[in-house]
Amino acid sequence: MVTYGCLAILFLFVIIKGFALQLHQRKPISREDTDRTLYTILNGERD
């Protein structure tokens, strides 16, 4: 019985974390930003 309680709490925790991640999801990085970042890394220039 205790095992079912632990599983229920874990299940609720996973659902809450999933919703939180979807709500705070960042917008995808544009291709130009990725290219610029890779270019600066390859050239050894750091911000």
N, C-alpha and C. Protein backbone atom coordinates (compact mmCIF):
# COMPACT_ATOMS: atom_id res chain seq x y z
N MET A 1 0.82 -1.20 0.00
CA MET A 1 0.00 0.00 0.00
C MET A 1 0.87 1.27 0.00
N VAL A 2 1.94 1.21 0.75
CA VAL A 2 2.86 2.34 0.80
C VAL A 2 3.50 2.53 -0.57
N THR A 3 3.77 1.44 -1.26
CA THR A 3 4.38 1.51 -2.59
C THR A 3 3.47 2.26 -3.56
N TYR A 4 2.17 1.99 -3.49
CA TYR A 4 1.23 2.69 -4.37
C TYR A 4 1.20 4.18 -4.06
N GLY A 5 1.31 4.54 -2.80
CA GLY A 5 1.35 5.94 -2.42
C GLY A 5 2.59 6.63 -2.97
N CYS A 6 3.74 5.94 -2.87
CA CYS A 6 4.98 6.50 -3.41
C CYS A 6 4.90 6.65 -4.93
N LEU A 7 4.34 5.66 -5.59
CA LEU A 7 4.19 5.74 -7.04
C LEU A 7 3.27 6.88 -7.45
N ALA A 8 2.20 7.09 -6.69
CA ALA A 8 1.27 8.18 -7.00
C ALA A 8 1.95 9.53 -6.84
N ILE A 9 2.73 9.69 -5.77
CA ILE A 9 3.45 10.94 -5.55
C ILE A 9 4.47 11.17 -6.66
N LEU A 10 5.19 10.13 -7.05
CA LEU A 10 6.17 10.24 -8.13
C LEU A 10 5.49 10.60 -9.44
N PHE A 11 4.35 9.98 -9.73
CA PHE A 11 3.60 10.26 -10.94
C PHE A 11 3.15 11.72 -10.99
N LEU A 12 2.63 12.22 -9.88
CA LEU A 12 2.21 13.62 -9.81
C LEU A 12 3.40 14.56 -9.98
N PHE A 13 4.54 14.21 -9.38
CA PHE A 13 5.74 15.03 -9.51
C PHE A 13 6.18 15.12 -10.97
N VAL A 14 6.16 14.01 -11.68
CA VAL A 14 6.56 13.99 -13.08
C VAL A 14 5.60 14.83 -13.93
N ILE A 15 4.31 14.72 -13.66
CA ILE A 15 3.33 15.50 -14.42
C ILE A 15 3.52 17.00 -14.17
N ILE A 16 3.73 17.38 -12.92
CA ILE A 16 3.92 18.80 -12.58
C ILE A 16 5.19 19.33 -13.23
N LYS A 17 6.27 18.56 -13.19
CA LYS A 17 7.53 19.00 -13.82
C LYS A 17 7.36 19.12 -15.33
N GLY A 18 6.61 18.20 -15.95
CA GLY A 18 6.37 18.27 -17.38
C GLY A 18 5.62 19.53 -17.77
N PHE A 19 4.59 19.87 -17.01
CA PHE A 19 3.85 21.11 -17.27
C PHE A 19 4.73 22.33 -17.06
N ALA A 20 5.55 22.31 -16.03
CA ALA A 20 6.43 23.46 -15.76
C ALA A 20 7.43 23.65 -16.88
N LEU A 21 7.97 22.56 -17.40
CA LEU A 21 8.92 22.68 -18.51
C LEU A 21 8.26 23.22 -19.76
N GLN A 22 7.03 22.80 -20.03
CA GLN A 22 6.32 23.30 -21.21
C GLN A 22 5.98 24.78 -21.07
N LEU A 23 5.66 25.22 -19.88
CA LEU A 23 5.31 26.63 -19.67
C LEU A 23 6.52 27.54 -19.77
N HIS A 24 7.68 27.06 -19.34
CA HIS A 24 8.89 27.88 -19.32
C HIS A 24 9.84 27.54 -20.46
N GLN A 25 9.31 26.93 -21.48
CA GLN A 25 10.15 26.50 -22.59
C GLN A 25 10.70 27.71 -23.35
N ARG A 26 11.99 27.66 -23.64
CA ARG A 26 12.63 28.76 -24.38
C ARG A 26 12.33 28.62 -25.86
N LYS A 27 12.36 29.76 -26.54
CA LYS A 27 12.17 29.70 -27.98
C LYS A 27 13.42 29.09 -28.61
N PRO A 28 13.28 28.40 -29.72
CA PRO A 28 14.45 27.77 -30.35
C PRO A 28 15.45 28.80 -30.83
N ILE A 29 16.71 28.42 -30.80
CA ILE A 29 17.79 29.30 -31.25
C ILE A 29 17.78 29.32 -32.78
N SER A 30 17.91 30.52 -33.33
CA SER A 30 17.89 30.64 -34.79
C SER A 30 19.17 30.08 -35.39
N ARG A 31 19.10 29.76 -36.64
CA ARG A 31 20.25 29.20 -37.34
C ARG A 31 21.41 30.20 -37.39
N GLU A 32 21.09 31.48 -37.55
CA GLU A 32 22.13 32.51 -37.60
C GLU A 32 22.86 32.61 -36.26
N ASP A 33 22.12 32.53 -35.16
CA ASP A 33 22.76 32.58 -33.84
C ASP A 33 23.67 31.37 -33.63
N THR A 34 23.23 30.22 -34.07
CA THR A 34 24.05 29.02 -33.95
C THR A 34 25.32 29.15 -34.78
N ASP A 35 25.18 29.62 -36.01
CA ASP A 35 26.34 29.80 -36.88
C ASP A 35 27.32 30.81 -36.28
N ARG A 36 26.81 31.91 -35.75
CA ARG A 36 27.65 32.93 -35.16
C ARG A 36 28.39 32.38 -33.94
N THR A 37 27.71 31.61 -33.11
CA THR A 37 28.33 31.03 -31.92
C THR A 37 29.42 30.05 -32.30
N LEU A 38 29.14 29.17 -33.27
CA LEU A 38 30.16 28.22 -33.72
C LEU A 38 31.36 28.93 -34.33
N TYR A 39 31.12 29.99 -35.06
CA TYR A 39 32.19 30.76 -35.69
C TYR A 39 33.12 31.37 -34.63
N THR A 40 32.52 31.94 -33.59
CA THR A 40 33.34 32.54 -32.54
C THR A 40 34.10 31.49 -31.74
N ILE A 41 33.49 30.33 -31.53
CA ILE A 41 34.19 29.26 -30.81
C ILE A 41 35.36 28.74 -31.62
N LEU A 42 35.15 28.53 -32.92
CA LEU A 42 36.22 28.00 -33.76
C LEU A 42 37.37 28.98 -33.92
N ASN A 43 37.08 30.27 -33.88
CA ASN A 43 38.13 31.28 -34.01
C ASN A 43 38.78 31.63 -32.68
N GLY A 44 38.28 31.06 -31.60
CA GLY A 44 38.89 31.31 -30.29
C GLY A 44 38.51 32.63 -29.67
N GLU A 45 37.50 33.29 -30.20
CA GLU A 45 37.04 34.56 -29.64
C GLU A 45 35.96 34.27 -28.61
N ARG A 46 36.16 34.75 -27.42
CA ARG A 46 35.17 34.54 -26.36
C ARG A 46 34.52 35.86 -26.00
N ASP A 47 33.26 35.79 -25.58
CA ASP A 47 32.55 37.02 -25.17
C ASP A 47 33.02 37.47 -23.81
